Protein backbone atom coordinates (compact mmCIF):
# COMPACT_ATOMS: atom_id res chain seq x y z
CA MET A 1 82.92 38.86 259.33
CA HIS A 2 80.31 39.57 256.62
CA LEU A 3 77.46 42.30 256.95
CA SER A 4 74.59 42.70 254.82
CA PHE A 5 71.14 44.52 254.87
CA TYR A 6 67.97 42.63 255.37
CA LYS A 7 64.53 44.28 255.72
CA GLY A 8 65.69 47.10 257.97
CA THR A 9 68.36 45.19 260.04
CA ILE A 10 72.05 44.12 259.58
CA ASP A 11 72.55 40.45 258.89
CA ILE A 12 75.89 39.69 260.58
CA ARG A 13 77.75 36.58 259.92
CA GLY A 14 81.10 35.96 261.75
CA ASP A 15 82.83 34.60 264.76
CA TYR A 16 82.69 37.74 267.18
CA ASN A 17 80.00 39.23 269.17
CA ILE A 18 79.13 42.52 268.04
CA PRO A 19 77.63 45.51 270.28
CA ASN A 20 73.75 46.19 269.72
CA ALA A 21 73.38 42.59 267.96
CA GLN A 22 71.45 39.69 269.08
CA TRP A 23 71.13 36.17 267.88
CA ASP A 24 68.35 35.41 265.41
CA ASP A 25 67.15 31.68 265.54
CA ARG A 26 65.35 32.05 262.38
CA SER A 27 68.54 33.13 260.23
CA HIS A 28 70.88 31.59 262.70
CA THR A 29 73.16 34.78 262.39
CA MET A 30 73.47 37.88 264.61
CA ARG A 31 71.05 40.63 263.83
CA SER A 32 70.98 44.28 264.67
CA LEU A 33 68.81 47.14 263.58
CA ALA A 34 70.04 48.92 260.60
CA PHE A 35 70.48 52.33 262.35
CA TYR A 36 73.46 50.73 264.15
CA TYR A 37 75.40 50.36 261.12
CA ARG A 38 77.52 53.18 261.69
CA ASP A 39 78.42 52.16 265.34
CA ILE A 40 78.95 48.46 264.10
CA ILE A 41 81.53 49.62 261.33
CA ALA A 42 83.31 51.88 264.06
CA TYR A 43 83.64 48.96 266.41
CA LEU A 44 84.94 46.51 263.82
CA LYS A 45 87.39 48.99 262.47
CA ASN A 46 88.49 50.07 265.96
CA SER A 47 89.08 46.55 267.14
CA GLY A 48 90.93 45.65 263.94
CA ILE A 49 88.33 43.22 262.83
CA SER A 50 88.36 42.25 259.39
CA HIS A 51 84.86 42.50 257.67
CA VAL A 52 83.12 42.64 254.49
CA ASP A 53 80.61 45.64 254.36
CA ASN A 54 77.49 44.87 251.90
CA ILE A 55 75.26 47.03 253.82
CA LEU A 56 74.67 50.24 251.63
CA LYS A 57 73.74 49.73 248.22
CA LEU A 58 73.53 53.55 247.23
CA ILE A 59 71.62 54.96 244.42
CA PRO A 60 73.96 56.01 241.71
CA CYS A 61 74.86 59.96 242.31
CA PRO A 62 76.28 62.68 240.45
CA ASP A 63 78.15 65.48 242.07
CA LEU A 64 75.80 67.55 244.15
CA LYS A 65 76.47 71.04 243.36
CA CYS A 66 73.94 74.04 243.57
CA ASN A 67 73.40 75.64 240.56
CA ARG A 68 73.42 79.10 242.52
CA LYS A 69 75.20 80.43 245.43
CA ILE A 70 73.39 79.89 248.78
CA GLU A 71 74.21 82.84 251.11
CA LEU A 72 73.74 81.51 254.72
CA ARG A 73 73.35 83.88 257.64
CA ASP A 74 75.58 83.69 260.45
CA TYR A 75 73.49 81.56 262.79
CA GLN A 76 72.75 79.08 259.62
CA VAL A 77 76.36 78.94 259.03
CA GLU A 78 77.08 77.99 262.93
CA ALA A 79 74.18 75.63 262.71
CA LEU A 80 75.89 73.75 259.65
CA GLU A 81 79.28 73.85 261.14
CA ARG A 82 78.01 72.23 264.39
CA TRP A 83 76.02 69.45 262.37
CA LEU A 84 79.13 68.77 260.10
CA VAL A 85 81.36 67.92 263.19
CA ASP A 86 79.80 64.32 263.31
CA ARG A 87 77.11 64.79 260.57
CA ARG A 88 74.56 63.66 262.94
CA GLY A 89 72.11 65.60 265.21
CA VAL A 90 68.93 67.91 265.41
CA LEU A 91 68.92 71.42 264.65
CA VAL A 92 66.44 73.59 266.29
CA LEU A 93 65.46 76.92 264.83
CA PRO A 94 62.38 79.00 264.70
CA THR A 95 59.71 78.91 261.87
CA GLY A 96 60.82 81.09 259.14
CA SER A 97 64.66 81.03 259.93
CA GLY A 98 65.55 79.30 256.83
CA LYS A 99 66.08 75.68 258.03
CA THR A 100 65.83 74.41 254.48
CA TYR A 101 68.81 76.29 253.32
CA ILE A 102 70.94 74.63 255.86
CA ALA A 103 69.64 71.43 254.59
CA LEU A 104 70.53 72.20 251.25
CA LYS A 105 74.31 73.21 252.14
CA ALA A 106 74.61 69.93 254.09
CA ILE A 107 73.32 67.83 251.01
CA GLU A 108 76.03 69.77 249.01
CA ALA A 109 78.66 69.01 251.71
CA VAL A 110 77.78 65.21 252.13
CA ASN A 111 77.51 64.93 248.27
CA SER A 112 75.91 61.59 248.31
CA PRO A 113 72.36 60.21 248.05
CA ALA A 114 70.11 61.91 250.42
CA PHE A 115 66.29 60.84 251.63
CA ILE A 116 64.17 63.63 253.02
CA VAL A 117 61.17 62.87 255.04
CA VAL A 118 58.30 65.08 255.54
CA PRO A 119 54.93 65.41 257.24
CA THR A 120 52.74 66.32 254.43
CA LEU A 121 52.40 66.13 250.72
CA ASP A 122 52.36 70.08 250.70
CA LEU A 123 55.97 69.79 252.11
CA VAL A 124 56.89 67.36 249.58
CA ASP A 125 56.03 69.84 246.76
CA GLN A 126 57.91 72.77 248.75
CA TRP A 127 61.22 70.82 249.28
CA LYS A 128 60.87 69.57 245.79
CA GLU A 129 60.94 73.00 244.43
CA GLN A 130 63.83 73.99 246.75
CA LEU A 131 65.85 71.11 245.69
CA SER A 132 65.73 72.15 241.99
CA VAL A 133 69.08 74.05 242.74
CA PHE A 134 70.67 70.63 242.16
CA ASP A 135 69.86 70.72 238.56
CA ILE A 136 68.87 66.88 238.88
CA GLU A 137 65.47 65.05 238.92
CA ILE A 138 64.23 65.14 242.29
CA GLY A 139 62.48 61.85 243.42
CA GLU A 140 59.07 61.46 245.25
CA TYR A 141 58.27 58.50 247.47
CA THR A 142 54.92 58.89 248.35
CA GLY A 143 51.47 57.46 248.03
CA ARG A 144 50.82 59.42 244.68
CA GLU A 145 54.28 58.39 243.05
CA LYS A 146 56.98 55.98 243.68
CA ASN A 147 60.29 57.29 242.00
CA LEU A 148 63.72 57.12 243.72
CA GLN A 149 66.20 59.41 242.75
CA PRO A 150 69.65 60.44 244.20
CA ILE A 151 67.60 63.05 245.95
CA THR A 152 64.21 61.90 247.14
CA VAL A 153 61.41 63.34 249.28
CA SER A 154 59.01 61.00 251.18
CA THR A 155 56.19 61.64 253.80
CA TYR A 156 56.36 60.06 257.42
CA ASP A 157 53.52 57.58 256.43
CA THR A 158 55.20 56.31 253.31
CA ALA A 159 58.60 56.25 254.72
CA TYR A 160 57.32 54.13 257.51
CA ASN A 161 55.72 51.70 255.28
CA THR A 162 58.91 51.16 252.89
CA ALA A 163 61.67 51.72 255.21
CA GLU A 164 62.77 48.23 255.39
CA ASN A 165 63.06 47.95 251.52
CA ILE A 166 64.97 51.16 250.83
CA GLY A 167 66.75 51.77 254.15
CA ASN A 168 70.22 51.25 252.74
CA LYS A 169 70.14 53.10 249.49
CA PHE A 170 71.04 56.72 250.82
CA LYS A 171 73.82 57.95 252.98
CA LEU A 172 72.03 61.14 254.24
CA LEU A 173 68.67 61.06 255.88
CA ILE A 174 66.96 64.38 256.86
CA PHE A 175 63.80 64.47 258.95
CA ASP A 176 61.90 67.81 258.52
CA GLU A 177 59.67 68.55 261.59
CA VAL A 178 61.52 65.87 263.18
CA HIS A 179 59.59 66.33 266.58
CA HIS A 180 57.21 63.49 264.71
CA LEU A 181 59.82 61.12 264.58
CA PRO A 182 59.71 59.51 268.11
CA SER A 183 55.99 58.57 267.63
CA GLU A 184 55.51 54.74 268.11
CA GLY A 185 55.49 54.01 264.31
CA TYR A 186 57.32 56.81 262.65
CA ARG A 187 60.65 56.15 264.78
CA HIS A 188 61.01 52.77 262.98
CA ILE A 189 61.85 54.99 259.88
CA ALA A 190 65.10 55.90 261.70
CA GLU A 191 65.94 52.39 262.90
CA PHE A 192 65.37 50.79 259.73
CA PHE A 193 67.70 53.03 257.66
CA ALA A 194 71.28 52.29 257.92
CA SER A 195 72.04 55.84 256.53
CA PRO A 196 75.19 56.95 258.71
CA PHE A 197 74.39 60.69 258.29
CA ARG A 198 71.46 62.29 259.99
CA MET A 199 69.73 65.46 260.09
CA GLY A 200 66.71 66.64 262.04
CA LEU A 201 65.04 70.21 261.78
CA THR A 202 62.46 71.60 264.10
CA ALA A 203 61.40 74.64 265.87
CA THR A 204 60.59 72.88 269.13
CA TYR A 205 62.78 69.92 270.30
CA GLU A 206 60.89 68.95 273.54
CA ARG A 207 57.84 66.91 273.29
CA GLU A 208 55.40 66.89 276.20
CA ASP A 209 55.11 63.15 276.53
CA GLY A 210 59.06 63.09 276.95
CA LEU A 211 59.68 61.04 273.83
CA HIS A 212 62.39 63.75 272.63
CA GLU A 213 64.69 61.63 274.88
CA LEU A 214 64.95 59.11 271.90
CA PHE A 215 66.73 61.82 269.78
CA PRO A 216 70.23 61.08 270.79
CA LYS A 217 69.92 57.23 270.14
CA LEU A 218 67.91 57.82 266.72
CA MET A 219 69.59 61.16 265.39
CA GLY A 220 72.58 62.07 267.28
CA GLY A 221 70.80 64.71 269.82
CA LYS A 222 70.52 68.40 269.71
CA VAL A 223 73.59 69.92 268.16
CA TYR A 224 72.28 73.58 267.54
CA GLU A 225 69.58 75.75 269.20
CA ILE A 226 68.64 79.47 268.56
CA GLU A 227 65.43 81.09 269.79
CA VAL A 228 63.09 83.47 268.28
CA ASP A 229 64.13 86.31 270.57
CA ASP A 230 67.81 85.69 269.43
CA LEU A 231 66.70 86.40 265.85
CA ALA A 232 63.97 89.13 266.10
CA GLY A 233 64.86 92.55 265.35
CA GLU A 234 67.81 91.51 263.00
CA HIS A 235 66.89 88.43 260.92
CA LEU A 236 63.27 88.36 261.89
CA SER A 237 60.48 90.84 262.60
CA PRO A 238 60.72 92.54 265.93
CA TYR A 239 57.68 91.60 267.56
CA LYS A 240 55.17 91.80 270.84
CA VAL A 241 52.77 89.47 272.50
CA ILE A 242 49.71 91.09 273.79
CA LYS A 243 47.12 88.89 275.80
CA ILE A 244 43.58 90.18 276.05
CA ASN A 245 41.33 89.24 278.97
CA VAL A 246 37.57 89.11 278.18
CA ASP A 247 34.52 88.33 280.41
CA LEU A 248 32.01 85.58 279.76
CA THR A 249 28.34 86.90 279.53
CA ALA A 250 26.21 86.06 282.41
CA GLU A 251 24.47 83.40 280.62
CA GLU A 252 27.74 81.77 279.07
CA LYS A 253 29.18 82.00 282.81
CA LYS A 254 26.52 80.07 283.93
CA GLU A 255 26.56 77.27 281.71
CA TYR A 256 30.29 77.20 282.07
CA GLU A 257 30.23 76.75 285.86
CA LYS A 258 27.40 74.35 285.64
CA ASN A 259 29.60 72.02 283.04
CA THR A 260 32.68 72.58 285.02
CA ASP A 261 30.96 71.49 288.44
CA VAL A 262 29.91 68.06 286.60
CA PHE A 263 33.63 67.39 285.71
CA ARG A 264 35.12 68.51 289.39
CA ASN A 265 32.41 66.50 291.00
CA TYR A 266 33.23 63.45 289.10
CA ILE A 267 36.96 63.90 289.63
CA ARG A 268 36.44 64.25 293.48
CA TYR A 269 34.14 61.21 293.52
CA SER A 270 36.61 59.23 291.80
CA ASN A 271 39.42 60.47 293.80
CA ILE A 272 41.71 61.36 290.80
CA LYS A 273 44.45 63.92 291.18
CA MET A 274 44.50 66.21 288.03
CA ARG A 275 48.39 66.77 287.73
CA SER A 276 48.98 66.00 284.11
CA SER A 277 47.32 65.23 280.92
CA SER A 278 48.09 61.39 281.61
CA ASP A 279 45.71 61.80 284.66
CA PHE A 280 43.00 63.24 282.18
CA GLN A 281 43.47 60.02 280.09
CA LYS A 282 42.40 58.11 282.84
CA VAL A 283 39.16 59.75 282.77
CA ILE A 284 38.85 59.47 278.78
CA ILE A 285 39.56 55.40 279.41
CA ARG A 286 36.87 55.19 281.89
CA SER A 287 34.22 57.02 279.86
CA GLY A 288 34.17 54.01 277.52
CA TYR A 289 32.45 51.91 280.32
CA ASP A 290 31.41 54.33 283.02
CA PRO A 291 28.48 56.54 281.91
CA LYS A 292 29.18 59.15 284.83
CA ALA A 293 32.91 59.32 283.34
CA TRP A 294 31.30 59.89 279.78
CA GLU A 295 29.15 62.85 281.31
CA ALA A 296 32.18 64.19 283.02
CA VAL A 297 34.24 64.41 279.69
CA ARG A 298 31.51 65.69 277.70
CA ALA A 299 30.69 68.38 280.35
CA ARG A 300 34.48 69.55 280.36
CA ASN A 301 34.56 69.68 276.40
CA LEU A 302 31.27 71.73 276.46
CA ALA A 303 32.87 74.06 279.18
CA ARG A 304 35.86 74.68 276.95
CA ILE A 305 33.86 75.47 273.93
CA ILE A 306 31.99 78.01 275.69
CA ALA A 307 35.43 79.58 276.83
CA TYR A 308 36.90 79.47 273.56
CA ASN A 309 33.87 80.73 271.42
CA SER A 310 32.65 83.39 273.83
CA LYS A 311 30.89 86.43 272.33
CA SER A 312 33.16 88.79 273.98
CA LYS A 313 35.90 87.46 271.95
CA MET A 314 33.95 88.26 268.82
CA VAL A 315 33.57 91.89 269.79
CA GLU A 316 37.22 92.07 270.61
CA LEU A 317 38.10 90.31 267.07
CA GLU A 318 36.00 93.03 265.49
CA SER A 319 37.85 95.67 267.38
CA LEU A 320 41.25 94.40 266.37
CA LEU A 321 40.29 93.86 262.80
CA GLU A 322 38.97 97.61 262.70
CA ASN A 323 42.52 98.77 264.28
CA HIS A 324 44.63 96.72 261.70
CA ARG A 325 43.26 97.77 258.57
CA GLY A 326 46.02 97.75 256.03
CA ASP A 327 48.04 94.95 258.06
CA ARG A 328 48.10 91.15 256.92
CA LEU A 329 46.27 89.24 259.63
CA ILE A 330 45.95 85.24 260.44
CA ILE A 331 43.34 84.37 263.01
CA PHE A 332 43.86 81.22 264.76
CA THR A 333 41.43 79.12 266.43
CA ARG A 334 41.25 75.62 267.80
CA TYR A 335 37.77 74.50 266.60
CA ASN A 336 36.52 74.59 263.10
CA ASP A 337 33.12 75.88 264.09
CA LEU A 338 34.71 79.09 265.16
CA VAL A 339 36.36 79.52 262.03
CA TYR A 340 33.38 79.06 259.89
CA ARG A 341 31.57 81.59 262.37
CA ILE A 342 34.45 84.10 261.76
CA SER A 343 34.48 83.45 257.95
CA GLN A 344 30.72 84.11 257.64
CA ASP A 345 30.43 86.88 260.01
CA TYR A 346 33.22 89.08 258.73
CA PHE A 347 33.77 87.76 254.96
CA ILE A 348 37.21 86.21 255.74
CA PRO A 349 38.53 83.28 253.74
CA CYS A 350 38.78 80.21 255.98
CA ILE A 351 41.15 77.17 255.74
CA THR A 352 40.20 74.02 257.59
CA TYR A 353 41.31 70.26 256.93
CA LYS A 354 37.99 70.03 254.77
CA THR A 355 39.36 72.67 252.46
CA ASP A 356 40.33 71.41 249.06
CA LYS A 357 43.90 71.64 248.05
CA ASN A 358 43.17 73.84 245.13
CA GLU A 359 40.87 76.26 247.09
CA ARG A 360 43.40 76.49 249.85
CA VAL A 361 46.11 77.54 247.10
CA GLU A 362 43.85 80.10 245.65
CA ILE A 363 43.21 81.55 249.06
CA LEU A 364 46.80 81.73 250.02
CA ASN A 365 47.87 83.10 246.68
CA GLY A 366 45.05 85.78 247.45
CA PHE A 367 46.52 86.57 250.76
CA ARG A 368 49.92 86.95 249.21
CA GLU A 369 48.73 89.17 246.44
CA GLY A 370 46.83 91.45 248.94
CA LYS A 371 43.48 90.31 247.70
CA TYR A 372 42.59 88.89 250.98
CA PRO A 373 43.99 91.10 254.05
CA ALA A 374 42.98 88.26 256.39
CA ILE A 375 42.51 84.50 256.65
CA VAL A 376 41.04 82.47 259.48
CA SER A 377 42.07 78.69 260.12
CA SER A 378 42.36 76.10 262.60
CA GLN A 379 45.37 73.99 263.50
CA VAL A 380 46.03 73.13 259.86
CA LEU A 381 48.26 76.36 259.32
CA ASP A 382 50.38 75.69 262.23
CA GLU A 383 52.68 73.25 260.14
CA GLY A 384 53.29 71.74 256.72
CA ILE A 385 51.81 74.61 254.67
CA ASP A 386 53.97 77.51 253.17
CA VAL A 387 51.99 80.55 254.43
CA PRO A 388 52.72 84.10 253.08
CA ASP A 389 53.83 86.76 255.01
CA ALA A 390 51.82 88.27 257.87
CA ASN A 391 52.58 90.77 260.37
CA VAL A 392 49.51 90.30 262.81
CA GLY A 393 48.39 87.05 264.24
CA ILE A 394 45.18 86.57 266.61
CA ILE A 395 44.80 83.48 268.59
CA MET A 396 41.27 83.03 269.34
CA SER A 397 41.80 79.57 270.93
CA GLY A 398 44.42 77.00 271.26
CA THR A 399 46.25 74.52 273.55
CA GLY A 400 49.06 75.12 276.05
CA SER A 401 51.36 73.44 273.45
CA ASN A 402 54.73 75.14 273.35
CA ARG A 403 55.01 73.80 269.75
CA GLU A 404 51.78 75.24 268.70
CA TYR A 405 52.65 78.50 270.06
CA ILE A 406 56.01 78.98 268.50
CA GLN A 407 54.47 77.80 265.13
CA ARG A 408 51.98 80.18 265.19
CA LEU A 409 54.29 82.99 266.29
CA GLY A 410 56.57 81.85 263.37
CA ARG A 411 53.73 82.54 260.88
CA ILE A 412 54.10 86.33 261.42
CA LEU A 413 58.01 86.57 262.03
CA ARG A 414 59.92 86.98 258.61
CA PRO A 415 62.86 89.16 257.34
CA SER A 416 61.17 92.65 257.73
CA ASP A 417 61.52 95.81 259.83
CA LYS A 418 57.90 96.03 260.59
CA LYS A 419 57.02 95.13 264.13
CA ALA A 420 54.71 91.88 263.97
CA ILE A 421 52.11 91.55 266.87
CA LEU A 422 50.54 88.48 268.35
CA TYR A 423 47.43 88.70 270.25
CA GLY A 424 45.80 86.02 272.47
CA ILE A 425 42.08 86.75 273.39
CA VAL A 426 41.58 84.77 276.76
CA SER A 427 38.04 84.22 278.50
CA SER A 428 38.73 85.35 282.20
CA GLY A 429 37.63 82.90 284.98
CA THR A 430 38.02 79.80 282.70
CA SER A 431 40.52 77.18 282.50
CA GLU A 432 41.78 79.15 279.24
CA ILE A 433 43.62 81.32 281.66
CA GLY A 434 45.75 78.32 282.65
CA THR A 435 46.15 77.36 279.08
CA SER A 436 47.54 80.81 278.24
CA TYR A 437 49.90 80.83 281.01
CA ARG A 438 51.44 77.56 279.98
CA ARG A 439 51.99 78.96 276.65
CA LYS A 440 53.72 82.11 277.97
CA LYS A 441 55.80 79.94 280.45
CA LYS A 442 57.06 77.82 277.89
CA LYS A 443 57.86 80.53 275.42
């Protein structure tokens, strides 16, 4: 049996039928996706089948030893030990709990070429800085640079576009924020890499679309999990969550109910049962050709904007800002309009997806140094940006997503004795009550 790597697949030539392989009429050989490499080799060895393995063509790699001692906490040691049993699997730890340090020790333990995939260029830079402990040139494989080294950091987008060409050059494959991986395109990264050792890092394992069920196949499944409450008070700040209900003004309530009625009437008229997000997607699809559906979706969005941006929320925010003078605050919103409004009304620096990278760095450095006591942002601070320590978070608006909630909570939980507080300001009598309840229920 002869095995070789070809564009994200394993080309198998020989006289035996191999599990997870299919006949390819183009090459007249058996063919398998590259991520089955480990299973195929195990099958051949266990079956006593002689074979020639030409799959991995690893980048030449020096001895990978950290230039300084990394002291892992007890839970980090346990997470690493669980992963080392099979050298595959997903580790689920809260934001701020030091997932990167576990990965550094895993790279040292495997002592072979490692490819690290992250969502953003900001995270590429952060990982490269952390990986400097290995005293070697750290590679980057992104849209701005193509430089393969024994340890290389890439983005999901670039890795997806090039996996079929480089999928046999690394023994260890690490996915940061691995909850992105099961998406339709990104999952091909895991499929086209032959890397036998795989580690996924995330604060939230489950996906609302259920695609986390692909993890056992692509990564080896969940091998370790620890929750915020298990670390709060010892390794992370003690914290409390406070929900504040505010009332819409009479005018806001009138507009909210008018728009809500438009949406509800359409749902009743169309006999659509709103039991999940997929049911709402049916209305979205209809809005492309049905003017009444378009009007219903527009009305629903207007109602939500009214709830998320109520005047009473601004009054409550002003009170919280006054009560927390001397604290370090991050204000979270769902929509950029409210970000700019808060920034303008209270002279608080803001960060959105439109913020230039240099300006964002200046704002975060100013926040770190105490020049700015507060910052306000939409969803861009939820993931992929190293945010300086804060101890108070204020959610002005958001989704019912468990991931969003955990990430925002993680922004104010750092190793500290000072209690952190996460406020959620919610408009009473609106759909936002249900959104807030889903966050609390999933916590």
